[in-house]
Amino acid sequence: MYAEVRASGEGEPAWFRWVSQRDELFRTHPQTPLDDPGSFNGLPYFDYDPSWRTVARFQPEEPAPWGEFERIGTLDFEVKGVEATLPVFWLDAYGGGLFLPFGDQTNGRSTYGGGRYLLDTVKGADLGHEGDNVTLDFNYAYHPSCVHSDRWACPLAPVDSRLDLEVTAGERLS
């Protein structure tokens, strides 16, 4: 899915491709988090907004365990005029790769109270990196599977993964 999204270029067309692929997975995948995929009509999202795309600088740290993950550093960035830092994690199990959970001021109102994910191995939108710079696009933020079914348990965004702004991008509650 990553390669196809990256190959679609930047902006709204690539995002629409990602949204449609996620909806198709929710409809057809044997491990869908939906209890009734037959009645599924698509996930709700905020409107696409290119100003939620930014480049973050990775700052490595000595790895520290966090559940099934290891905290490996932070991502420093500016978005919507706000400077921010989020811890970034590594997952060896499952599909492996970076994991970036976050919370923001929409949690509990227009998004899930426990936060959303931006990077999560095979589910997220890995838009690439160049050296220590990692592309982040909050239009690709999505809820963990536990939002859609009690059959799933999900890691929630840690306290230091909260942004002091409303991220009105990505998946939202209906």
C-alpha atoms as a PDB file:
ATOM      1  CA  MET A   1       0.000   0.000   0.000  1.00  0.00           C
ATOM      2  CA  TYR A   2       2.878   2.442   0.819  1.00  0.00           C
ATOM      3  CA  ALA A   3       4.498   2.175  -2.594  1.00  0.00           C
ATOM      4  CA  GLU A   4       1.181   2.782  -4.349  1.00  0.00           C
ATOM      5  CA  VAL A   5       0.409   5.830  -2.206  1.00  0.00           C
ATOM      6  CA  ARG A   6       3.901   7.267  -2.730  1.00  0.00           C
ATOM      7  CA  ALA A   7       3.662   6.543  -6.480  1.00  0.00           C
ATOM      8  CA  SER A   8       0.390   8.513  -6.574  1.00  0.00           C
ATOM      9  CA  GLY A   9       2.370  11.635  -5.695  1.00  0.00           C
ATOM     10  CA  GLU A  10       1.588  14.199  -3.055  1.00  0.00           C
ATOM     11  CA  GLY A  11      -1.685  15.800  -2.221  1.00  0.00           C
ATOM     12  CA  GLU A  12      -5.327  14.963  -2.418  1.00  0.00           C
ATOM     13  CA  PRO A  13      -5.218  12.331  -5.242  1.00  0.00           C
ATOM     14  CA  ALA A  14      -2.742  10.186  -3.249  1.00  0.00           C
ATOM     15  CA  TRP A  15      -4.828  10.642  -0.101  1.00  0.00           C
ATOM     16  CA  PHE A  16      -8.034   9.614  -1.926  1.00  0.00           C
ATOM     17  CA  ARG A  17      -6.243   6.484  -3.128  1.00  0.00           C
ATOM     18  CA  TRP A  18      -5.195   5.663   0.460  1.00  0.00           C
ATOM     19  CA  VAL A  19      -8.746   6.268   1.764  1.00  0.00           C
ATOM     20  CA  SER A  20     -10.275   4.020  -0.895  1.00  0.00           C
ATOM     21  CA  GLN A  21      -7.724   1.264  -0.194  1.00  0.00           C
ATOM     22  CA  ARG A  22      -8.452   1.438   3.553  1.00  0.00           C
ATOM     23  CA  ASP A  23     -12.188   1.250   2.896  1.00  0.00           C
ATOM     24  CA  GLU A  24     -11.662  -1.786   0.657  1.00  0.00           C
ATOM     25  CA  LEU A  25      -9.604  -3.510   3.377  1.00  0.00           C
ATOM     26  CA  PHE A  26     -12.323  -2.796   5.938  1.00  0.00           C
ATOM     27  CA  ARG A  27     -14.922  -4.305   3.569  1.00  0.00           C
ATOM     28  CA  THR A  28     -13.016  -7.409   2.453  1.00  0.00           C
ATOM     29  CA  HIS A  29     -10.103  -8.349   4.720  1.00  0.00           C
ATOM     30  CA  PRO A  30     -10.683 -11.494   6.836  1.00  0.00           C
ATOM     31  CA  GLN A  31      -9.399  -9.666   9.924  1.00  0.00           C
ATOM     32  CA  THR A  32     -11.447  -6.518   9.428  1.00  0.00           C
ATOM     33  CA  PRO A  33     -12.114  -4.701  12.694  1.00  0.00           C
ATOM     34  CA  LEU A  34     -15.748  -4.276  11.640  1.00  0.00           C
ATOM     35  CA  ASP A  35     -18.381  -6.486  13.222  1.00  0.00           C
ATOM     36  CA  ASP A  36     -20.645  -6.120  10.156  1.00  0.00           C
ATOM     37  CA  PRO A  37     -18.542  -5.335   7.053  1.00  0.00           C
ATOM     38  CA  GLY A  38     -21.542  -6.036   4.793  1.00  0.00           C
ATOM     39  CA  SER A  39     -23.189  -2.769   5.823  1.00  0.00           C
ATOM     40  CA  PHE A  40     -19.972  -0.709   5.656  1.00  0.00           C
ATOM     41  CA  ASN A  41     -20.128   2.443   3.522  1.00  0.00           C
ATOM     42  CA  GLY A  42     -16.701   3.932   4.234  1.00  0.00           C
ATOM     43  CA  LEU A  43     -14.878   5.591   7.099  1.00  0.00           C
ATOM     44  CA  PRO A  44     -15.540   9.259   7.928  1.00  0.00           C
ATOM     45  CA  TYR A  45     -12.671  11.726   7.432  1.00  0.00           C
ATOM     46  CA  PHE A  46     -12.087  15.422   7.828  1.00  0.00           C
ATOM     47  CA  ASP A  47     -11.751  17.187   4.464  1.00  0.00           C
ATOM     48  CA  TYR A  48      -8.277  16.952   2.970  1.00  0.00           C
ATOM     49  CA  ASP A  49      -6.097  19.928   3.895  1.00  0.00           C
ATOM     50  CA  PRO A  50      -2.543  20.163   2.504  1.00  0.00           C
ATOM     51  CA  SER A  51      -1.433  22.397   5.381  1.00  0.00           C
ATOM     52  CA  TRP A  52      -1.411  19.294   7.648  1.00  0.00           C
ATOM     53  CA  ARG A  53       1.598  17.905   5.737  1.00  0.00           C
ATOM     54  CA  THR A  54       5.030  18.615   7.216  1.00  0.00           C
ATOM     55  CA  VAL A  55       8.562  17.283   7.480  1.00  0.00           C
ATOM     56  CA  ALA A  56       9.774  16.143  10.892  1.00  0.00           C
ATOM     57  CA  ARG A  57      13.360  15.781  12.065  1.00  0.00           C
ATOM     58  CA  PHE A  58      14.113  12.441  13.729  1.00  0.00           C
ATOM     59  CA  GLN A  59      16.136  12.754  16.949  1.00  0.00           C
ATOM     60  CA  PRO A  60      17.386   9.292  18.001  1.00  0.00           C
ATOM     61  CA  GLU A  61      17.419   8.206  21.661  1.00  0.00           C
ATOM     62  CA  GLU A  62      18.676   5.173  23.511  1.00  0.00           C
ATOM     63  CA  PRO A  63      15.886   2.598  22.931  1.00  0.00           C
ATOM     64  CA  ALA A  64      13.525   2.243  25.897  1.00  0.00           C
ATOM     65  CA  PRO A  65      10.771  -0.405  26.176  1.00  0.00           C
ATOM     66  CA  TRP A  66       7.122   0.648  25.982  1.00  0.00           C
ATOM     67  CA  GLY A  67       4.859  -2.406  25.966  1.00  0.00           C
ATOM     68  CA  GLU A  68       5.496  -4.337  22.738  1.00  0.00           C
ATOM     69  CA  PHE A  69       7.339  -1.324  21.367  1.00  0.00           C
ATOM     70  CA  GLU A  70      10.630   0.460  21.934  1.00  0.00           C
ATOM     71  CA  ARG A  71      10.769   4.217  22.086  1.00  0.00           C
ATOM     72  CA  ILE A  72      13.599   5.050  19.699  1.00  0.00           C
ATOM     73  CA  GLY A  73      13.506   8.840  19.575  1.00  0.00           C
ATOM     74  CA  THR A  74      11.399  11.848  18.815  1.00  0.00           C
ATOM     75  CA  LEU A  75      10.103  13.639  15.743  1.00  0.00           C
ATOM     76  CA  ASP A  76      10.378  17.436  15.883  1.00  0.00           C
ATOM     77  CA  PHE A  77       8.208  19.426  13.480  1.00  0.00           C
ATOM     78  CA  GLU A  78       6.045  22.470  12.927  1.00  0.00           C
ATOM     79  CA  VAL A  79       2.466  22.233  11.692  1.00  0.00           C
ATOM     80  CA  LYS A  80      -0.158  24.970  11.460  1.00  0.00           C
ATOM     81  CA  GLY A  81       2.329  27.388  13.060  1.00  0.00           C
ATOM     82  CA  VAL A  82       2.796  25.201  16.150  1.00  0.00           C
ATOM     83  CA  GLU A  83       6.153  23.634  16.986  1.00  0.00           C
ATOM     84  CA  ALA A  84       5.747  20.104  18.325  1.00  0.00           C
ATOM     85  CA  THR A  85       7.621  16.985  19.341  1.00  0.00           C
ATOM     86  CA  LEU A  86       6.216  13.466  19.375  1.00  0.00           C
ATOM     87  CA  PRO A  87       7.933  10.305  20.616  1.00  0.00           C
ATOM     88  CA  VAL A  88       8.343   7.655  17.937  1.00  0.00           C
ATOM     89  CA  PHE A  89       8.419   3.914  18.574  1.00  0.00           C
ATOM     90  CA  TRP A  90       9.684   0.788  16.850  1.00  0.00           C
ATOM     91  CA  LEU A  91       7.760  -2.476  16.655  1.00  0.00           C
ATOM     92  CA  ASP A  92       9.682  -5.682  15.933  1.00  0.00           C
ATOM     93  CA  ALA A  93       6.585  -7.934  15.882  1.00  0.00           C
ATOM     94  CA  TYR A  94       3.615  -7.868  13.519  1.00  0.00           C
ATOM     95  CA  GLY A  95       4.767  -6.103  10.324  1.00  0.00           C
ATOM     96  CA  GLY A  96       7.621  -4.280  12.061  1.00  0.00           C
ATOM     97  CA  GLY A  97       8.408  -0.630  11.622  1.00  0.00           C
ATOM     98  CA  LEU A  98       7.725   2.799  13.031  1.00  0.00           C
ATOM     99  CA  PHE A  99       4.751   3.496  15.248  1.00  0.00           C
ATOM    100  CA  LEU A 100       3.540   7.048  15.853  1.00  0.00           C
ATOM    101  CA  PRO A 101       0.487   7.365  18.097  1.00  0.00           C
ATOM    102  CA  PHE A 102      -0.721  10.835  19.038  1.00  0.00           C
ATOM    103  CA  GLY A 103      -3.447  12.618  20.899  1.00  0.00           C
ATOM    104  CA  ASP A 104      -4.785  16.101  20.277  1.00  0.00           C
ATOM    105  CA  GLN A 105      -7.563  18.436  21.330  1.00  0.00           C
ATOM    106  CA  THR A 106     -10.167  16.742  19.103  1.00  0.00           C
ATOM    107  CA  ASN A 107      -9.951  13.528  21.188  1.00  0.00           C
ATOM    108  CA  GLY A 108     -13.211  12.647  22.879  1.00  0.00           C
ATOM    109  CA  ARG A 109     -15.187  15.034  20.660  1.00  0.00           C
ATOM    110  CA  SER A 110     -14.674  14.528  16.947  1.00  0.00           C
ATOM    111  CA  THR A 111     -12.030  11.785  17.261  1.00  0.00           C
ATOM    112  CA  TYR A 112     -11.458   8.790  19.534  1.00  0.00           C
ATOM    113  CA  GLY A 113     -10.605   9.749  23.121  1.00  0.00           C
ATOM    114  CA  GLY A 114      -7.529   7.496  23.214  1.00  0.00           C
ATOM    115  CA  GLY A 115      -5.864   9.165  20.244  1.00  0.00           C
ATOM    116  CA  ARG A 116      -5.054   8.184  16.685  1.00  0.00           C
ATOM    117  CA  TYR A 117      -2.127   6.703  14.773  1.00  0.00           C
ATOM    118  CA  LEU A 118      -0.131   8.302  11.990  1.00  0.00           C
ATOM    119  CA  LEU A 119       2.492   5.652  11.314  1.00  0.00           C
ATOM    120  CA  ASP A 120       1.869   1.988  12.089  1.00  0.00           C
ATOM    121  CA  THR A 121       3.754  -0.511   9.964  1.00  0.00           C
ATOM    122  CA  VAL A 122       1.444  -1.948   7.309  1.00  0.00           C
ATOM    123  CA  LYS A 123      -1.648   0.132   8.188  1.00  0.00           C
ATOM    124  CA  GLY A 124      -0.377   3.695   8.105  1.00  0.00           C
ATOM    125  CA  ALA A 125       0.814   5.960   5.359  1.00  0.00           C
ATOM    126  CA  ASP A 126       4.603   5.789   5.262  1.00  0.00           C
ATOM    127  CA  LEU A 127       5.243   8.733   2.989  1.00  0.00           C
ATOM    128  CA  GLY A 128       8.984   8.303   3.154  1.00  0.00           C
ATOM    129  CA  HIS A 129      12.048   9.884   4.625  1.00  0.00           C
ATOM    130  CA  GLU A 130      15.256  11.471   3.469  1.00  0.00           C
ATOM    131  CA  GLY A 131      18.105  11.110   5.926  1.00  0.00           C
ATOM    132  CA  ASP A 132      16.734  12.095   9.339  1.00  0.00           C
ATOM    133  CA  ASN A 133      13.739  13.897   7.829  1.00  0.00           C
ATOM    134  CA  VAL A 134      10.419  12.038   7.935  1.00  0.00           C
ATOM    135  CA  THR A 135       7.365  13.175   5.979  1.00  0.00           C
ATOM    136  CA  LEU A 136       4.251  13.419   8.172  1.00  0.00           C
ATOM    137  CA  ASP A 137       0.798  14.112   6.777  1.00  0.00           C
ATOM    138  CA  PHE A 138      -1.926  14.237   9.410  1.00  0.00           C
ATOM    139  CA  ASN A 139      -4.553  13.781   6.680  1.00  0.00           C
ATOM    140  CA  TYR A 140      -3.559  10.091   6.989  1.00  0.00           C
ATOM    141  CA  ALA A 141      -4.250   9.909  10.748  1.00  0.00           C
ATOM    142  CA  TYR A 142      -6.556   7.059  11.653  1.00  0.00           C
ATOM    143  CA  HIS A 143      -8.262   5.432  14.620  1.00  0.00           C
ATOM    144  CA  PRO A 144      -6.996   2.192  16.155  1.00  0.00           C
ATOM    145  CA  SER A 145      -9.002  -0.967  15.416  1.00  0.00           C
ATOM    146  CA  CYS A 146     -10.532  -0.984  18.920  1.00  0.00           C
ATOM    147  CA  VAL A 147     -12.650   2.029  17.908  1.00  0.00           C
ATOM    148  CA  HIS A 148     -14.523  -0.210  15.470  1.00  0.00           C
ATOM    149  CA  SER A 149     -14.913  -3.352  17.613  1.00  0.00           C
ATOM    150  CA  ASP A 150     -14.507  -4.529  21.205  1.00  0.00           C
ATOM    151  CA  ARG A 151     -12.702  -7.595  19.810  1.00  0.00           C
ATOM    152  CA  TRP A 152      -9.554  -5.487  19.488  1.00  0.00           C
ATOM    153  CA  ALA A 153      -7.225  -4.078  22.133  1.00  0.00           C
ATOM    154  CA  CYS A 154      -5.121  -1.130  21.074  1.00  0.00           C
ATOM    155  CA  PRO A 155      -2.184   0.786  22.502  1.00  0.00           C
ATOM    156  CA  LEU A 156      -3.279   4.309  23.328  1.00  0.00           C
ATOM    157  CA  ALA A 157      -1.209   7.412  22.776  1.00  0.00           C
ATOM    158  CA  PRO A 158       1.111   8.023  25.752  1.00  0.00           C
ATOM    159  CA  VAL A 159       0.766  11.245  27.740  1.00  0.00           C
ATOM    160  CA  ASP A 160       3.837  12.784  26.083  1.00  0.00           C
ATOM    161  CA  SER A 161       2.336  12.051  22.647  1.00  0.00           C
ATOM    162  CA  ARG A 162      -0.300  14.779  22.945  1.00  0.00           C
ATOM    163  CA  LEU A 163      -0.333  17.792  20.659  1.00  0.00           C
ATOM    164  CA  ASP A 164      -1.536  21.139  21.960  1.00  0.00           C
ATOM    165  CA  LEU A 165      -3.807  21.813  18.988  1.00  0.00           C
ATOM    166  CA  GLU A 166      -6.877  20.436  17.234  1.00  0.00           C
ATOM    167  CA  VAL A 167      -5.791  18.122  14.432  1.00  0.00           C
ATOM    168  CA  THR A 168      -8.767  18.493  12.109  1.00  0.00           C
ATOM    169  CA  ALA A 169      -7.326  16.067   9.587  1.00  0.00           C
ATOM    170  CA  GLY A 170      -7.560  12.321   9.064  1.00  0.00           C
ATOM    171  CA  GLU A 171     -10.183   9.885  10.305  1.00  0.00           C
ATOM    172  CA  ARG A 172     -12.911  11.261  12.554  1.00  0.00           C
ATOM    173  CA  LEU A 173     -15.879   9.850  14.394  1.00  0.00           C
ATOM    174  CA  SER A 174     -19.112   9.685  12.410  1.00  0.00           C
END
